[in-house]
Amino acid sequence: MDSRLTVKFRRGGKRQIVHGGYSFITKGELPENRAHILKYLMAVREGLVRDLGPTENDLSTAQIVLIDRVTTKIGVIRCVEEHIRENSVMVGDDLAPSLKASYLAYNNSLRLDLQALGLGRKRADEVLTPYEILEMEKESRGEEQ
């Protein structure tokens, strides 16, 4: 048995290689061949806290819960994506089971969580004036002031 892959046995003894997203949700463990995802998830969590914080003490309980949910969902999504990269998008004439409804549901749920956190919105004190926008445009075109 290949120790790099998470393997699940079917009836009749056939081995089915799985992506590891379910194990990540239920046990909080990543398969050995997906251990590098943990570094990415830690960086994502730290980045979200910094974007909203700057420290975890500056966040509400609801924000912390959402950040934790986002991190978990990204972990599952990354496991599925890497599994698909290693295998195939198609199984016979059908879409791979890991890409069907659950993959799309996780991505949609992630988007909604990020919206709930308010990411992508500028804070009032960060809004640029029309003059600052014009200056930025001039700089991007290489014009002198």
C-alpha atoms as a PDB file:
ATOM      1  CA  MET A   1       0.000   0.000   0.000  1.00  0.00           C
ATOM      2  CA  ASP A   2       1.360   3.436  -0.927  1.00  0.00           C
ATOM      3  CA  SER A   3       1.962   5.388   2.293  1.00  0.00           C
ATOM      4  CA  ARG A   4       1.676   8.717   0.468  1.00  0.00           C
ATOM      5  CA  LEU A   5      -1.988   8.291  -0.358  1.00  0.00           C
ATOM      6  CA  THR A   6      -5.099   7.985   1.730  1.00  0.00           C
ATOM      7  CA  VAL A   7      -6.711   4.766   0.618  1.00  0.00           C
ATOM      8  CA  LYS A   8     -10.179   3.443   1.365  1.00  0.00           C
ATOM      9  CA  PHE A   9     -11.196  -0.139   0.653  1.00  0.00           C
ATOM     10  CA  ARG A  10     -14.408  -0.919  -1.186  1.00  0.00           C
ATOM     11  CA  ARG A  11     -16.326  -4.166  -1.056  1.00  0.00           C
ATOM     12  CA  GLY A  12     -14.516  -6.786  -3.047  1.00  0.00           C
ATOM     13  CA  GLY A  13     -11.103  -5.493  -1.982  1.00  0.00           C
ATOM     14  CA  LYS A  14     -10.725  -2.703  -4.560  1.00  0.00           C
ATOM     15  CA  ARG A  15      -8.786   0.280  -3.335  1.00  0.00           C
ATOM     16  CA  GLN A  16     -10.225   3.730  -3.887  1.00  0.00           C
ATOM     17  CA  ILE A  17      -7.923   6.719  -3.503  1.00  0.00           C
ATOM     18  CA  VAL A  18      -9.697   9.561  -1.687  1.00  0.00           C
ATOM     19  CA  HIS A  19      -8.847  13.251  -1.396  1.00  0.00           C
ATOM     20  CA  GLY A  20      -8.685  13.511   2.420  1.00  0.00           C
ATOM     21  CA  GLY A  21     -11.202  16.338   2.874  1.00  0.00           C
ATOM     22  CA  TYR A  22     -13.522  14.192   4.975  1.00  0.00           C
ATOM     23  CA  SER A  23     -10.680  13.211   7.318  1.00  0.00           C
ATOM     24  CA  PHE A  24      -9.740  16.854   7.646  1.00  0.00           C
ATOM     25  CA  ILE A  25     -13.260  17.775   8.732  1.00  0.00           C
ATOM     26  CA  THR A  26     -13.891  14.844  11.056  1.00  0.00           C
ATOM     27  CA  LYS A  27     -10.442  14.310  12.579  1.00  0.00           C
ATOM     28  CA  GLY A  28      -8.630  17.558  11.821  1.00  0.00           C
ATOM     29  CA  GLU A  29      -5.907  15.554  10.095  1.00  0.00           C
ATOM     30  CA  LEU A  30      -4.484  15.908   6.633  1.00  0.00           C
ATOM     31  CA  PRO A  31      -3.160  12.905   4.694  1.00  0.00           C
ATOM     32  CA  GLU A  32       0.650  12.686   4.544  1.00  0.00           C
ATOM     33  CA  ASN A  33       0.703  13.759   0.914  1.00  0.00           C
ATOM     34  CA  ARG A  34      -1.302  16.887   1.808  1.00  0.00           C
ATOM     35  CA  ALA A  35       0.669  17.987   4.894  1.00  0.00           C
ATOM     36  CA  HIS A  36       1.982  21.055   3.033  1.00  0.00           C
ATOM     37  CA  ILE A  37      -1.570  22.433   3.000  1.00  0.00           C
ATOM     38  CA  LEU A  38      -1.299  23.045   6.761  1.00  0.00           C
ATOM     39  CA  LYS A  39       1.305  25.793   6.233  1.00  0.00           C
ATOM     40  CA  TYR A  40      -0.994  27.438   3.703  1.00  0.00           C
ATOM     41  CA  LEU A  41      -3.982  27.242   6.075  1.00  0.00           C
ATOM     42  CA  MET A  42      -1.986  28.749   8.925  1.00  0.00           C
ATOM     43  CA  ALA A  43      -0.919  31.632   6.665  1.00  0.00           C
ATOM     44  CA  VAL A  44      -4.521  32.161   5.523  1.00  0.00           C
ATOM     45  CA  ARG A  45      -5.795  32.267   9.114  1.00  0.00           C
ATOM     46  CA  GLU A  46      -3.052  34.683  10.184  1.00  0.00           C
ATOM     47  CA  GLY A  47      -3.797  36.865   7.159  1.00  0.00           C
ATOM     48  CA  LEU A  48      -7.528  36.995   7.882  1.00  0.00           C
ATOM     49  CA  VAL A  49      -6.882  37.902  11.521  1.00  0.00           C
ATOM     50  CA  ARG A  50      -4.455  40.619  10.419  1.00  0.00           C
ATOM     51  CA  ASP A  51      -6.930  41.957   7.829  1.00  0.00           C
ATOM     52  CA  LEU A  52      -9.690  42.251  10.408  1.00  0.00           C
ATOM     53  CA  GLY A  53      -7.710  42.703  13.636  1.00  0.00           C
ATOM     54  CA  PRO A  54      -4.733  43.432  13.660  1.00  0.00           C
ATOM     55  CA  THR A  55      -4.671  40.846  16.481  1.00  0.00           C
ATOM     56  CA  GLU A  56      -7.080  38.101  17.506  1.00  0.00           C
ATOM     57  CA  ASN A  57      -7.881  40.096  20.688  1.00  0.00           C
ATOM     58  CA  ASP A  58      -9.355  42.836  18.472  1.00  0.00           C
ATOM     59  CA  LEU A  59     -11.884  40.442  16.889  1.00  0.00           C
ATOM     60  CA  SER A  60     -15.356  39.504  18.038  1.00  0.00           C
ATOM     61  CA  THR A  61     -16.192  35.895  18.842  1.00  0.00           C
ATOM     62  CA  ALA A  62     -18.311  35.719  15.688  1.00  0.00           C
ATOM     63  CA  GLN A  63     -15.370  36.863  13.559  1.00  0.00           C
ATOM     64  CA  ILE A  64     -13.083  34.249  15.115  1.00  0.00           C
ATOM     65  CA  VAL A  65     -15.664  31.513  14.496  1.00  0.00           C
ATOM     66  CA  LEU A  66     -16.062  32.606  10.866  1.00  0.00           C
ATOM     67  CA  ILE A  67     -12.297  32.711  10.357  1.00  0.00           C
ATOM     68  CA  ASP A  68     -12.010  29.179  11.743  1.00  0.00           C
ATOM     69  CA  ARG A  69     -14.833  27.963   9.460  1.00  0.00           C
ATOM     70  CA  VAL A  70     -13.201  29.651   6.462  1.00  0.00           C
ATOM     71  CA  THR A  71      -9.892  27.954   7.260  1.00  0.00           C
ATOM     72  CA  THR A  72     -11.546  24.539   7.504  1.00  0.00           C
ATOM     73  CA  LYS A  73     -13.454  25.002   4.251  1.00  0.00           C
ATOM     74  CA  ILE A  74     -10.310  26.089   2.437  1.00  0.00           C
ATOM     75  CA  GLY A  75      -8.578  22.965   3.732  1.00  0.00           C
ATOM     76  CA  VAL A  76     -11.263  20.726   2.270  1.00  0.00           C
ATOM     77  CA  ILE A  77     -11.315  22.657  -1.003  1.00  0.00           C
ATOM     78  CA  ARG A  78      -7.524  22.414  -1.356  1.00  0.00           C
ATOM     79  CA  CYS A  79      -7.608  18.647  -0.664  1.00  0.00           C
ATOM     80  CA  VAL A  80     -10.200  18.152  -3.395  1.00  0.00           C
ATOM     81  CA  GLU A  81      -8.328  20.376  -5.859  1.00  0.00           C
ATOM     82  CA  GLU A  82      -5.029  18.581  -5.341  1.00  0.00           C
ATOM     83  CA  HIS A  83      -6.730  15.199  -5.665  1.00  0.00           C
ATOM     84  CA  ILE A  84      -8.193  16.300  -8.992  1.00  0.00           C
ATOM     85  CA  ARG A  85      -4.795  17.601 -10.189  1.00  0.00           C
ATOM     86  CA  GLU A  86      -3.233  14.225  -9.364  1.00  0.00           C
ATOM     87  CA  ASN A  87      -6.018  12.195 -10.939  1.00  0.00           C
ATOM     88  CA  SER A  88      -8.601  13.463 -13.396  1.00  0.00           C
ATOM     89  CA  VAL A  89     -11.590  15.725 -13.635  1.00  0.00           C
ATOM     90  CA  MET A  90     -13.529  12.929 -15.268  1.00  0.00           C
ATOM     91  CA  VAL A  91     -14.240   9.377 -14.166  1.00  0.00           C
ATOM     92  CA  GLY A  92     -15.379   7.589 -17.299  1.00  0.00           C
ATOM     93  CA  ASP A  93     -18.003   9.822 -18.892  1.00  0.00           C
ATOM     94  CA  ASP A  94     -18.977  11.491 -15.615  1.00  0.00           C
ATOM     95  CA  LEU A  95     -17.537  14.314 -13.549  1.00  0.00           C
ATOM     96  CA  ALA A  96     -15.307  13.125 -10.690  1.00  0.00           C
ATOM     97  CA  PRO A  97     -17.402  12.571  -7.541  1.00  0.00           C
ATOM     98  CA  SER A  98     -15.256  15.005  -5.523  1.00  0.00           C
ATOM     99  CA  LEU A  99     -16.148  17.818  -7.954  1.00  0.00           C
ATOM    100  CA  LYS A 100     -19.888  17.354  -7.902  1.00  0.00           C
ATOM    101  CA  ALA A 101     -22.205  19.271  -5.564  1.00  0.00           C
ATOM    102  CA  SER A 102     -20.042  19.282  -2.417  1.00  0.00           C
ATOM    103  CA  TYR A 103     -17.086  21.066  -4.051  1.00  0.00           C
ATOM    104  CA  LEU A 104     -19.328  23.802  -5.395  1.00  0.00           C
ATOM    105  CA  ALA A 105     -21.182  24.020  -2.079  1.00  0.00           C
ATOM    106  CA  TYR A 106     -17.910  24.462  -0.169  1.00  0.00           C
ATOM    107  CA  ASN A 107     -16.762  27.203  -2.526  1.00  0.00           C
ATOM    108  CA  ASN A 108     -20.096  29.004  -2.300  1.00  0.00           C
ATOM    109  CA  SER A 109     -20.149  28.685   1.482  1.00  0.00           C
ATOM    110  CA  LEU A 110     -16.590  30.046   1.619  1.00  0.00           C
ATOM    111  CA  ARG A 111     -17.620  33.038  -0.481  1.00  0.00           C
ATOM    112  CA  LEU A 112     -20.556  33.756   1.835  1.00  0.00           C
ATOM    113  CA  ASP A 113     -18.348  33.505   4.928  1.00  0.00           C
ATOM    114  CA  LEU A 114     -15.836  35.922   3.435  1.00  0.00           C
ATOM    115  CA  GLN A 115     -18.665  38.322   2.616  1.00  0.00           C
ATOM    116  CA  ALA A 116     -19.946  38.028   6.193  1.00  0.00           C
ATOM    117  CA  LEU A 117     -16.477  38.928   7.443  1.00  0.00           C
ATOM    118  CA  GLY A 118     -16.647  42.019   5.241  1.00  0.00           C
ATOM    119  CA  LEU A 119     -13.531  41.264   3.261  1.00  0.00           C
ATOM    120  CA  GLY A 120     -13.140  43.078   0.016  1.00  0.00           C
ATOM    121  CA  ARG A 121     -14.757  46.227   1.361  1.00  0.00           C
ATOM    122  CA  LYS A 122     -12.684  49.305   2.007  1.00  0.00           C
ATOM    123  CA  ARG A 123     -12.947  50.838   5.442  1.00  0.00           C
ATOM    124  CA  ALA A 124     -14.198  54.423   5.555  1.00  0.00           C
ATOM    125  CA  ASP A 125     -10.780  55.720   6.568  1.00  0.00           C
ATOM    126  CA  GLU A 126      -9.176  53.938   3.605  1.00  0.00           C
ATOM    127  CA  VAL A 127     -11.393  55.414   0.902  1.00  0.00           C
ATOM    128  CA  LEU A 128      -9.426  57.397  -1.658  1.00  0.00           C
ATOM    129  CA  THR A 129     -10.359  60.917  -2.663  1.00  0.00           C
ATOM    130  CA  PRO A 130     -10.942  61.682  -6.359  1.00  0.00           C
ATOM    131  CA  TYR A 131      -7.583  63.509  -6.433  1.00  0.00           C
ATOM    132  CA  GLU A 132      -5.760  60.458  -5.040  1.00  0.00           C
ATOM    133  CA  ILE A 133      -7.423  58.277  -7.678  1.00  0.00           C
ATOM    134  CA  LEU A 134      -6.311  60.665 -10.445  1.00  0.00           C
ATOM    135  CA  GLU A 135      -2.753  60.662  -9.076  1.00  0.00           C
ATOM    136  CA  MET A 136      -2.709  56.876  -9.037  1.00  0.00           C
ATOM    137  CA  GLU A 137      -3.919  56.786 -12.648  1.00  0.00           C
ATOM    138  CA  LYS A 138      -1.217  59.231 -13.719  1.00  0.00           C
ATOM    139  CA  GLU A 139       1.452  57.151 -11.980  1.00  0.00           C
ATOM    140  CA  SER A 140       0.230  53.946 -13.597  1.00  0.00           C
ATOM    141  CA  ARG A 141       0.423  55.580 -17.045  1.00  0.00           C
ATOM    142  CA  GLY A 142       3.872  56.983 -16.295  1.00  0.00           C
ATOM    143  CA  GLU A 143       2.801  60.626 -16.555  1.00  0.00           C
ATOM    144  CA  GLU A 144       4.591  63.316 -14.639  1.00  0.00           C
ATOM    145  CA  GLN A 145       2.767  65.309 -12.028  1.00  0.00           C
END
